[in-house]
Amino acid sequence: MKYLMFVCTDTEPDTDPAPEPDIHRWVSEHDASGQRLQGMALAPKSTATTVRVRNGQTLVSDGPFAETKELIVGFDLLECADLDEAIEVARAHPMARGGRIEIRPQADWDRS
């Protein structure tokens, strides 16, 4: 099953003094296992553009779509047997301690 893992900042990071996991090692391990299909960091929020269409008009604005202190700073596309496996992959990511990770399964439109 495919899961999209949003890598986000958080206003309340972990305070554990232990060293954070190394991101390069995390990427290498999960690429090698086949659990990580793709991923990348995103450019700063100052480069974001939001596009909406309302009443046939295209509205373009600078910045992210949400007014929030937490930001999506990257993503990874995972291939995992189930949610439990996806959680194990996510919990090992350095940003699980310094930020937050949101996991969403790919929609199964055939079961709708």
Protein backbone atom coordinates (compact mmCIF):
# COMPACT_ATOMS: atom_id res chain seq x y z
CA MET A 1 0.00 0.00 0.00
CA LYS A 2 1.24 3.48 -0.81
CA TYR A 3 1.37 6.22 1.82
CA LEU A 4 2.29 9.87 1.42
CA MET A 5 4.33 11.07 4.34
CA PHE A 6 4.23 14.85 4.89
CA VAL A 7 7.30 16.09 6.76
CA CYS A 8 6.34 19.15 8.80
CA THR A 9 7.80 21.61 11.26
CA ASP A 10 6.31 21.83 14.74
CA THR A 11 6.25 24.55 17.38
CA GLU A 12 6.85 21.94 20.10
CA PRO A 13 9.83 19.76 19.11
CA ASP A 14 11.15 16.89 21.24
CA THR A 15 13.41 17.98 24.11
CA ASP A 16 15.31 14.66 24.38
CA PRO A 17 19.04 15.55 24.40
CA ALA A 18 19.98 12.38 22.49
CA PRO A 19 21.31 13.01 18.98
CA GLU A 20 18.71 13.04 16.24
CA PRO A 21 18.82 10.26 13.65
CA ASP A 22 20.82 11.10 10.51
CA ILE A 23 18.57 11.96 7.56
CA HIS A 24 21.01 10.59 4.97
CA ARG A 25 21.09 7.24 6.75
CA TRP A 26 17.28 7.19 7.01
CA VAL A 27 16.97 7.87 3.27
CA SER A 28 19.59 5.23 2.35
CA GLU A 29 18.03 2.55 4.56
CA HIS A 30 14.47 3.10 3.35
CA ASP A 31 15.49 3.45 -0.31
CA ALA A 32 17.40 0.15 -0.04
CA SER A 33 14.45 -1.61 1.63
CA GLY A 34 12.05 -0.43 -1.09
CA GLN A 35 9.85 1.32 1.48
CA ARG A 36 10.75 4.82 0.24
CA LEU A 37 9.76 5.28 -3.41
CA GLN A 38 10.44 8.99 -3.72
CA GLY A 39 10.94 12.05 -1.56
CA MET A 40 12.31 15.55 -1.42
CA ALA A 41 12.60 18.66 0.65
CA LEU A 42 10.57 21.67 -0.41
CA ALA A 43 11.79 25.22 -1.01
CA PRO A 44 11.00 27.80 1.73
CA LYS A 45 7.42 29.00 2.25
CA SER A 46 8.42 32.36 0.76
CA THR A 47 8.50 30.61 -2.65
CA ALA A 48 5.00 29.11 -2.32
CA THR A 49 2.18 30.14 -4.63
CA THR A 50 -1.47 29.31 -3.97
CA VAL A 51 -3.85 28.94 -6.92
CA ARG A 52 -7.64 28.95 -6.63
CA VAL A 53 -10.44 29.24 -9.17
CA ARG A 54 -13.57 31.07 -8.02
CA ASN A 55 -16.46 31.98 -10.34
CA GLY A 56 -14.25 31.26 -13.36
CA GLN A 57 -11.50 33.60 -12.15
CA THR A 58 -7.99 32.32 -11.39
CA LEU A 59 -6.78 33.75 -8.10
CA VAL A 60 -3.05 33.58 -7.43
CA SER A 61 -1.52 34.56 -4.11
CA ASP A 62 1.93 34.38 -2.58
CA GLY A 63 2.59 31.99 0.26
CA PRO A 64 1.19 28.72 1.54
CA PHE A 65 -2.57 28.11 1.51
CA ALA A 66 -2.85 27.98 5.31
CA GLU A 67 -2.01 30.60 7.92
CA THR A 68 -0.19 28.37 10.38
CA LYS A 69 3.11 28.17 12.21
CA GLU A 70 3.62 24.53 11.19
CA LEU A 71 4.76 24.06 7.60
CA ILE A 72 5.15 21.17 5.19
CA VAL A 73 8.89 21.12 4.46
CA GLY A 74 9.10 17.88 2.49
CA PHE A 75 7.46 14.63 1.58
CA ASP A 76 8.19 10.96 1.02
CA LEU A 77 6.14 8.42 -0.89
CA LEU A 78 6.22 5.09 0.94
CA GLU A 79 5.33 1.54 -0.04
CA CYS A 80 4.42 -0.38 3.11
CA ALA A 81 2.44 -3.50 3.92
CA ASP A 82 0.13 -1.58 6.25
CA LEU A 83 -0.23 1.49 8.47
CA ASP A 84 1.81 -0.10 11.26
CA GLU A 85 4.79 -0.49 8.94
CA ALA A 86 4.37 3.11 7.67
CA ILE A 87 4.36 4.34 11.28
CA GLU A 88 7.61 2.47 11.97
CA VAL A 89 9.22 4.11 8.92
CA ALA A 90 7.93 7.55 9.97
CA ARG A 91 9.00 7.25 13.62
CA ALA A 92 12.61 6.74 12.52
CA HIS A 93 12.64 9.95 10.45
CA PRO A 94 14.59 12.79 12.16
CA MET A 95 11.66 15.19 11.80
CA ALA A 96 9.47 12.90 13.91
CA ARG A 97 11.46 14.37 16.82
CA GLY A 98 12.12 17.89 15.56
CA GLY A 99 8.81 18.36 13.81
CA ARG A 100 5.90 16.11 12.95
CA ILE A 101 5.08 13.53 10.34
CA GLU A 102 1.65 13.10 8.80
CA ILE A 103 0.93 9.83 6.99
CA ARG A 104 -1.95 9.43 4.54
CA PRO A 105 -2.81 6.30 2.58
CA GLN A 106 -3.36 6.54 -1.13
CA ALA A 107 -7.10 6.74 -1.82
CA ASP A 108 -8.67 3.52 -3.06
CA TRP A 109 -11.33 4.82 -5.44
CA ASP A 110 -12.34 1.27 -6.41
CA ARG A 111 -13.63 0.61 -2.87
CA SER A 112 -15.71 3.81 -2.73
